[in-house]
Amino acid sequence: MITTFTENDLLRYLYGESTENEKTSIENALVCDAELEAKFFDLKLDSSILDGLLFDPTDFTLEKIFNFSSNYPAGI
């Protein structure tokens, strides 16, 4: 039986969220399917790029967030 893996399956594998059976199946498929392997390495590269990004909100954005949250009583 041929199993088709989605990008979601590959992402779960990449982040260690696959079951042991899925992990084994994906690893076997990566060895046998060059197209799937290429897609996996693209996702791995994208993941490493995203992990390296720093997000820095502007002062305007922070001010809007603080103003919005100051309208609510404490404890809510």
PDB file of N, CA and C in Angstrom:
ATOM      1  N   MET A   1       0.841  -1.184   0.000  1.00  0.00           N
ATOM      2  CA  MET A   1       0.000   0.000   0.000  1.00  0.00           C
ATOM      3  C   MET A   1       0.888   1.251   0.000  1.00  0.00           C
ATOM      4  N   ILE A   2       0.566   2.205  -0.843  1.00  0.00           N
ATOM      5  CA  ILE A   2       1.308   3.459  -0.933  1.00  0.00           C
ATOM      6  C   ILE A   2       0.613   4.492  -0.058  1.00  0.00           C
ATOM      7  N   THR A   3       1.382   5.128   0.807  1.00  0.00           N
ATOM      8  CA  THR A   3       0.845   6.165   1.684  1.00  0.00           C
ATOM      9  C   THR A   3       1.278   7.522   1.158  1.00  0.00           C
ATOM     10  N   THR A   4       0.331   8.425   1.073  1.00  0.00           N
ATOM     11  CA  THR A   4       0.627   9.787   0.652  1.00  0.00           C
ATOM     12  C   THR A   4       0.725  10.649   1.900  1.00  0.00           C
ATOM     13  N   PHE A   5       1.814  11.412   1.985  1.00  0.00           N
ATOM     14  CA  PHE A   5       2.015  12.284   3.132  1.00  0.00           C
ATOM     15  C   PHE A   5       1.777  13.728   2.735  1.00  0.00           C
ATOM     16  N   THR A   6       1.092  14.455   3.597  1.00  0.00           N
ATOM     17  CA  THR A   6       0.802  15.862   3.359  1.00  0.00           C
ATOM     18  C   THR A   6       1.897  16.720   3.998  1.00  0.00           C
ATOM     19  N   GLU A   7       1.871  18.003   3.709  1.00  0.00           N
ATOM     20  CA  GLU A   7       2.800  18.923   4.357  1.00  0.00           C
ATOM     21  C   GLU A   7       2.578  18.923   5.868  1.00  0.00           C
ATOM     22  N   ASN A   8       1.335  18.770   6.301  1.00  0.00           N
ATOM     23  CA  ASN A   8       1.052  18.707   7.741  1.00  0.00           C
ATOM     24  C   ASN A   8       1.729  17.493   8.378  1.00  0.00           C
ATOM     25  N   ASP A   9       1.713  16.356   7.677  1.00  0.00           N
ATOM     26  CA  ASP A   9       2.396  15.166   8.179  1.00  0.00           C
ATOM     27  C   ASP A   9       3.892  15.427   8.312  1.00  0.00           C
ATOM     28  N   LEU A  10       4.465  16.062   7.297  1.00  0.00           N
ATOM     29  CA  LEU A  10       5.892  16.365   7.325  1.00  0.00           C
ATOM     30  C   LEU A  10       6.238  17.356   8.435  1.00  0.00           C
ATOM     31  N   LEU A  11       5.374  18.340   8.654  1.00  0.00           N
ATOM     32  CA  LEU A  11       5.611  19.312   9.724  1.00  0.00           C
ATOM     33  C   LEU A  11       5.530  18.645  11.098  1.00  0.00           C
ATOM     34  N   ARG A  12       4.562  17.765  11.279  1.00  0.00           N
ATOM     35  CA  ARG A  12       4.466  17.046  12.560  1.00  0.00           C
ATOM     36  C   ARG A  12       5.715  16.198  12.775  1.00  0.00           C
ATOM     37  N   TYR A  13       6.212  15.577  11.707  1.00  0.00           N
ATOM     38  CA  TYR A  13       7.448  14.799  11.802  1.00  0.00           C
ATOM     39  C   TYR A  13       8.621  15.717  12.146  1.00  0.00           C
ATOM     40  N   LEU A  14       8.696  16.842  11.472  1.00  0.00           N
ATOM     41  CA  LEU A  14       9.785  17.793  11.686  1.00  0.00           C
ATOM     42  C   LEU A  14       9.840  18.269  13.134  1.00  0.00           C
ATOM     43  N   TYR A  15       8.682  18.489  13.738  1.00  0.00           N
ATOM     44  CA  TYR A  15       8.612  18.982  15.110  1.00  0.00           C
ATOM     45  C   TYR A  15       8.475  17.858  16.144  1.00  0.00           C
ATOM     46  N   GLY A  16       8.671  16.609  15.721  1.00  0.00           N
ATOM     47  CA  GLY A  16       8.653  15.481  16.643  1.00  0.00           C
ATOM     48  C   GLY A  16       7.290  15.153  17.204  1.00  0.00           C
ATOM     49  N   GLU A  17       6.234  15.432  16.440  1.00  0.00           N
ATOM     50  CA  GLU A  17       4.872  15.204  16.918  1.00  0.00           C
ATOM     51  C   GLU A  17       4.211  13.989  16.264  1.00  0.00           C
ATOM     52  N   SER A  18       4.965  13.220  15.492  1.00  0.00           N
ATOM     53  CA  SER A  18       4.419  12.035  14.829  1.00  0.00           C
ATOM     54  C   SER A  18       4.459  10.845  15.776  1.00  0.00           C
ATOM     55  N   THR A  19       3.545   9.907  15.557  1.00  0.00           N
ATOM     56  CA  THR A  19       3.604   8.655  16.302  1.00  0.00           C
ATOM     57  C   THR A  19       4.806   7.860  15.793  1.00  0.00           C
ATOM     58  N   GLU A  20       5.180   6.835  16.519  1.00  0.00           N
ATOM     59  CA  GLU A  20       6.321   6.008  16.102  1.00  0.00           C
ATOM     60  C   GLU A  20       6.057   5.352  14.750  1.00  0.00           C
ATOM     61  N   ASN A  21       4.822   4.892  14.514  1.00  0.00           N
ATOM     62  CA  ASN A  21       4.483   4.275  13.230  1.00  0.00           C
ATOM     63  C   ASN A  21       4.580   5.288  12.092  1.00  0.00           C
ATOM     64  N   GLU A  22       4.045   6.495  12.322  1.00  0.00           N
ATOM     65  CA  GLU A  22       4.124   7.550  11.304  1.00  0.00           C
ATOM     66  C   GLU A  22       5.577   7.928  11.036  1.00  0.00           C
ATOM     67  N   LYS A  23       6.359   8.040  12.105  1.00  0.00           N
ATOM     68  CA  LYS A  23       7.760   8.411  11.975  1.00  0.00           C
ATOM     69  C   LYS A  23       8.495   7.409  11.093  1.00  0.00           C
ATOM     70  N   THR A  24       8.301   6.132  11.352  1.00  0.00           N
ATOM     71  CA  THR A  24       8.945   5.087  10.554  1.00  0.00           C
ATOM     72  C   THR A  24       8.482   5.149   9.105  1.00  0.00           C
ATOM     73  N   SER A  25       7.192   5.323   8.896  1.00  0.00           N
ATOM     74  CA  SER A  25       6.643   5.384   7.534  1.00  0.00           C
ATOM     75  C   SER A  25       7.185   6.588   6.773  1.00  0.00           C
ATOM     76  N   ILE A  26       7.254   7.733   7.434  1.00  0.00           N
ATOM     77  CA  ILE A  26       7.753   8.945   6.775  1.00  0.00           C
ATOM     78  C   ILE A  26       9.230   8.798   6.453  1.00  0.00           C
ATOM     79  N   GLU A  27      10.003   8.258   7.382  1.00  0.00           N
ATOM     80  CA  GLU A  27      11.434   8.067   7.124  1.00  0.00           C
ATOM     81  C   GLU A  27      11.664   7.137   5.937  1.00  0.00           C
ATOM     82  N   ASN A  28      10.887   6.051   5.849  1.00  0.00           N
ATOM     83  CA  ASN A  28      11.000   5.143   4.706  1.00  0.00           C
ATOM     84  C   ASN A  28      10.609   5.842   3.410  1.00  0.00           C
ATOM     85  N   ALA A  29       9.554   6.638   3.471  1.00  0.00           N
ATOM     86  CA  ALA A  29       9.092   7.353   2.276  1.00  0.00           C
ATOM     87  C   ALA A  29      10.113   8.395   1.834  1.00  0.00           C
ATOM     88  N   LEU A  30      10.766   9.057   2.781  1.00  0.00           N
ATOM     89  CA  LEU A  30      11.773  10.070   2.427  1.00  0.00           C
ATOM     90  C   LEU A  30      12.953   9.444   1.692  1.00  0.00           C
ATOM     91  N   VAL A  31      13.303   8.222   2.056  1.00  0.00           N
ATOM     92  CA  VAL A  31      14.404   7.527   1.397  1.00  0.00           C
ATOM     93  C   VAL A  31      14.024   7.140  -0.030  1.00  0.00           C
ATOM     94  N   CYS A  32      12.770   6.787  -0.235  1.00  0.00           N
ATOM     95  CA  CYS A  32      12.323   6.257  -1.533  1.00  0.00           C
ATOM     96  C   CYS A  32      11.772   7.307  -2.493  1.00  0.00           C
ATOM     97  N   ASP A  33      11.365   8.460  -1.988  1.00  0.00           N
ATOM     98  CA  ASP A  33      10.676   9.457  -2.818  1.00  0.00           C
ATOM     99  C   ASP A  33      11.449  10.773  -2.794  1.00  0.00           C
ATOM    100  N   ALA A  34      12.161  11.047  -3.894  1.00  0.00           N
ATOM    101  CA  ALA A  34      12.990  12.251  -3.975  1.00  0.00           C
ATOM    102  C   ALA A  34      12.148  13.525  -3.905  1.00  0.00           C
ATOM    103  N   GLU A  35      10.952  13.495  -4.467  1.00  0.00           N
ATOM    104  CA  GLU A  35      10.076  14.674  -4.439  1.00  0.00           C
ATOM    105  C   GLU A  35       9.622  14.975  -3.012  1.00  0.00           C
ATOM    106  N   LEU A  36       9.269  13.941  -2.271  1.00  0.00           N
ATOM    107  CA  LEU A  36       8.867  14.116  -0.874  1.00  0.00           C
ATOM    108  C   LEU A  36      10.056  14.602  -0.047  1.00  0.00           C
ATOM    109  N   GLU A  37      11.228  14.053  -0.317  1.00  0.00           N
ATOM    110  CA  GLU A  37      12.434  14.474   0.394  1.00  0.00           C
ATOM    111  C   GLU A  37      12.733  15.949   0.142  1.00  0.00           C
ATOM    112  N   ALA A  38      12.585  16.383  -1.103  1.00  0.00           N
ATOM    113  CA  ALA A  38      12.813  17.793  -1.441  1.00  0.00           C
ATOM    114  C   ALA A  38      11.815  18.690  -0.716  1.00  0.00           C
ATOM    115  N   LYS A  39      10.553  18.270  -0.667  1.00  0.00           N
ATOM    116  CA  LYS A  39       9.523  19.050   0.029  1.00  0.00           C
ATOM    117  C   LYS A  39       9.857  19.131   1.520  1.00  0.00           C
ATOM    118  N   PHE A  40      10.317  18.014   2.098  1.00  0.00           N
ATOM    119  CA  PHE A  40      10.674  17.996   3.509  1.00  0.00           C
ATOM    120  C   PHE A  40      11.826  18.962   3.796  1.00  0.00           C
ATOM    121  N   PHE A  41      12.862  18.939   2.956  1.00  0.00           N
ATOM    122  CA  PHE A  41      13.996  19.824   3.198  1.00  0.00           C
ATOM    123  C   PHE A  41      13.637  21.288   2.971  1.00  0.00           C
ATOM    124  N   ASP A  42      12.699  21.563   2.080  1.00  0.00           N
ATOM    125  CA  ASP A  42      12.190  22.935   1.929  1.00  0.00           C
ATOM    126  C   ASP A  42      11.496  23.387   3.217  1.00  0.00           C
ATOM    127  N   LEU A  43      10.657  22.517   3.777  1.00  0.00           N
ATOM    128  CA  LEU A  43       9.973  22.843   5.031  1.00  0.00           C
ATOM    129  C   LEU A  43      10.974  23.020   6.166  1.00  0.00           C
ATOM    130  N   LYS A  44      11.997  22.183   6.193  1.00  0.00           N
ATOM    131  CA  LYS A  44      13.023  22.278   7.232  1.00  0.00           C
ATOM    132  C   LYS A  44      13.782  23.598   7.125  1.00  0.00           C
ATOM    133  N   LEU A  45      14.110  23.999   5.895  1.00  0.00           N
ATOM    134  CA  LEU A  45      14.787  25.283   5.678  1.00  0.00           C
ATOM    135  C   LEU A  45      13.889  26.441   6.094  1.00  0.00           C
ATOM    136  N   ASP A  46      12.633  26.402   5.659  1.00  0.00           N
ATOM    137  CA  ASP A  46      11.675  27.457   6.033  1.00  0.00           C
ATOM    138  C   ASP A  46      11.546  27.562   7.544  1.00  0.00           C
ATOM    139  N   SER A  47      11.487  26.415   8.220  1.00  0.00           N
ATOM    140  CA  SER A  47      11.361  26.394   9.669  1.00  0.00           C
ATOM    141  C   SER A  47      12.571  27.039  10.335  1.00  0.00           C
ATOM    142  N   SER A  48      13.752  26.729   9.835  1.00  0.00           N
ATOM    143  CA  SER A  48      14.960  27.309  10.448  1.00  0.00           C
ATOM    144  C   SER A  48      15.035  28.817  10.202  1.00  0.00           C
ATOM    145  N   ILE A  49      14.553  29.268   9.048  1.00  0.00           N
ATOM    146  CA  ILE A  49      14.528  30.708   8.762  1.00  0.00           C
ATOM    147  C   ILE A  49      13.543  31.414   9.698  1.00  0.00           C
ATOM    148  N   LEU A  50      12.355  30.827   9.859  1.00  0.00           N
ATOM    149  CA  LEU A  50      11.351  31.423  10.748  1.00  0.00           C
ATOM    150  C   LEU A  50      11.830  31.447  12.194  1.00  0.00           C
ATOM    151  N   ASP A  51      12.529  30.395  12.611  1.00  0.00           N
ATOM    152  CA  ASP A  51      13.033  30.348  13.981  1.00  0.00           C
ATOM    153  C   ASP A  51      14.057  31.451  14.235  1.00  0.00           C
ATOM    154  N   GLY A  52      14.723  31.917  13.198  1.00  0.00           N
ATOM    155  CA  GLY A  52      15.741  32.940  13.362  1.00  0.00           C
ATOM    156  C   GLY A  52      15.231  34.366  13.277  1.00  0.00           C
ATOM    157  N   LEU A  53      13.961  34.540  12.935  1.00  0.00           N
ATOM    158  CA  LEU A  53      13.407  35.884  12.803  1.00  0.00           C
ATOM    159  C   LEU A  53      13.114  36.505  14.158  1.00  0.00           C
ATOM    160  N   LEU A  54      13.343  37.778  14.253  1.00  0.00           N
ATOM    161  CA  LEU A  54      12.980  38.535  15.442  1.00  0.00           C
ATOM    162  C   LEU A  54      11.874  39.512  15.062  1.00  0.00           C
ATOM    163  N   PHE A  55      10.843  39.534  15.856  1.00  0.00           N
ATOM    164  CA  PHE A  55       9.736  40.436  15.609  1.00  0.00           C
ATOM    165  C   PHE A  55       9.794  41.562  16.621  1.00  0.00           C
ATOM    166  N   ASP A  56       9.732  42.785  16.133  1.00  0.00           N
ATOM    167  CA  ASP A  56       9.846  43.953  16.990  1.00  0.00           C
ATOM    168  C   ASP A  56       8.712  44.914  16.639  1.00  0.00           C
ATOM    169  N   PRO A  57       7.655  44.926  17.469  1.00  0.00           N
ATOM    170  CA  PRO A  57       6.528  45.804  17.149  1.00  0.00           C
ATOM    171  C   PRO A  57       6.928  47.272  17.269  1.00  0.00           C
ATOM    172  N   THR A  58       6.278  48.092  16.481  1.00  0.00           N
ATOM    173  CA  THR A  58       6.553  49.529  16.535  1.00  0.00           C
ATOM    174  C   THR A  58       5.987  50.115  17.825  1.00  0.00           C
ATOM    175  N   ASP A  59       6.470  51.284  18.200  1.00  0.00           N
ATOM    176  CA  ASP A  59       5.957  51.969  19.391  1.00  0.00           C
ATOM    177  C   ASP A  59       4.470  52.256  19.246  1.00  0.00           C
ATOM    178  N   PHE A  60       4.038  52.599  18.035  1.00  0.00           N
ATOM    179  CA  PHE A  60       2.622  52.872  17.770  1.00  0.00           C
ATOM    180  C   PHE A  60       1.778  51.640  18.086  1.00  0.00           C
ATOM    181  N   THR A  61       2.234  50.477  17.655  1.00  0.00           N
ATOM    182  CA  THR A  61       1.496  49.241  17.900  1.00  0.00           C
ATOM    183  C   THR A  61       1.415  48.942  19.389  1.00  0.00           C
ATOM    184  N   LEU A  62       2.541  49.079  20.076  1.00  0.00           N
ATOM    185  CA  LEU A  62       2.543  48.841  21.526  1.00  0.00           C
ATOM    186  C   LEU A  62       1.618  49.803  22.251  1.00  0.00           C
ATOM    187  N   GLU A  63       1.618  51.049  21.846  1.00  0.00           N
ATOM    188  CA  GLU A  63       0.750  52.050  22.464  1.00  0.00           C
ATOM    189  C   GLU A  63      -0.715  51.671  22.286  1.00  0.00           C
ATOM    190  N   LYS A  64      -1.078  51.222  21.080  1.00  0.00           N
ATOM    191  CA  LYS A  64      -2.473  50.819  20.836  1.00  0.00           C
ATOM    192  C   LYS A  64      -2.851  49.621  21.701  1.00  0.00           C
ATOM    193  N   ILE A  65      -1.946  48.672  21.857  1.00  0.00           N
ATOM    194  CA  ILE A  65      -2.228  47.497  22.690  1.00  0.00           C
ATOM    195  C   ILE A  65      -2.407  47.913  24.144  1.00  0.00           C
ATOM    196  N   PHE A  66      -1.498  48.738  24.648  1.00  0.00           N
ATOM    197  CA  PHE A  66      -1.595  49.186  26.039  1.00  0.00           C
ATOM    198  C   PHE A  66      -2.853  50.007  26.275  1.00  0.00           C
ATOM    199  N   ASN A  67      -3.201  50.875  25.353  1.00  0.00           N
ATOM    200  CA  ASN A  67      -4.426  51.676  25.488  1.00  0.00           C
ATOM    201  C   ASN A  67      -5.660  50.786  25.485  1.00  0.00           C
ATOM    202  N   PHE A  68      -5.676  49.805  24.615  1.00  0.00           N
ATOM    203  CA  PHE A  68      -6.815  48.898  24.540  1.00  0.00           C
ATOM    204  C   PHE A  68      -6.960  48.126  25.849  1.00  0.00           C
ATOM    205  N   SER A  69      -5.826  47.579  26.339  1.00  0.00           N
ATOM    206  CA  SER A  69      -5.907  46.760  27.552  1.00  0.00           C
ATOM    207  C   SER A  69      -6.179  47.594  28.796  1.00  0.00           C
ATOM    208  N   SER A  70      -5.840  48.849  28.789  1.00  0.00           N
ATOM    209  CA  SER A  70      -6.093  49.692  29.963  1.00  0.00           C
ATOM    210  C   SER A  70      -7.574  49.984  30.148  1.00  0.00           C
ATOM    211  N   ASN A  71      -8.389  49.723  29.157  1.00  0.00           N
ATOM    212  CA  ASN A  71      -9.830  49.938  29.262  1.00  0.00           C
ATOM    213  C   ASN A  71     -10.555  48.819  29.986  1.00  0.00           C
ATOM    214  N   TYR A  72      -9.820  47.759  30.363  1.00  0.00           N
ATOM    215  CA  TYR A  72     -10.434  46.635  31.045  1.00  0.00           C
ATOM    216  C   TYR A  72     -10.005  46.617  32.506  1.00  0.00           C
ATOM    217  N   PRO A  73     -10.939  46.323  33.391  1.00  0.00           N
ATOM    218  CA  PRO A  73     -10.577  46.262  34.817  1.00  0.00           C
ATOM    219  C   PRO A  73      -9.603  45.102  35.076  1.00  0.00           C
ATOM    220  N   ALA A  74      -8.792  45.243  36.095  1.00  0.00           N
ATOM    221  CA  ALA A  74      -7.840  44.195  36.455  1.00  0.00           C
ATOM    222  C   ALA A  74      -8.588  42.928  36.865  1.00  0.00           C
ATOM    223  N   GLY A  75      -8.008  41.788  36.566  1.00  0.00           N
ATOM    224  CA  GLY A  75      -8.601  40.508  36.970  1.00  0.00           C
ATOM    225  C   GLY A  75      -9.531  39.884  35.945  1.00  0.00           C
ATOM    226  N   ILE A  76      -9.736  40.535  34.811  1.00  0.00           N
ATOM    227  CA  ILE A  76     -10.613  39.956  33.792  1.00  0.00           C
ATOM    228  C   ILE A  76      -9.784  39.182  32.811  1.00  0.00           C
TER     229      ILE A  76
END
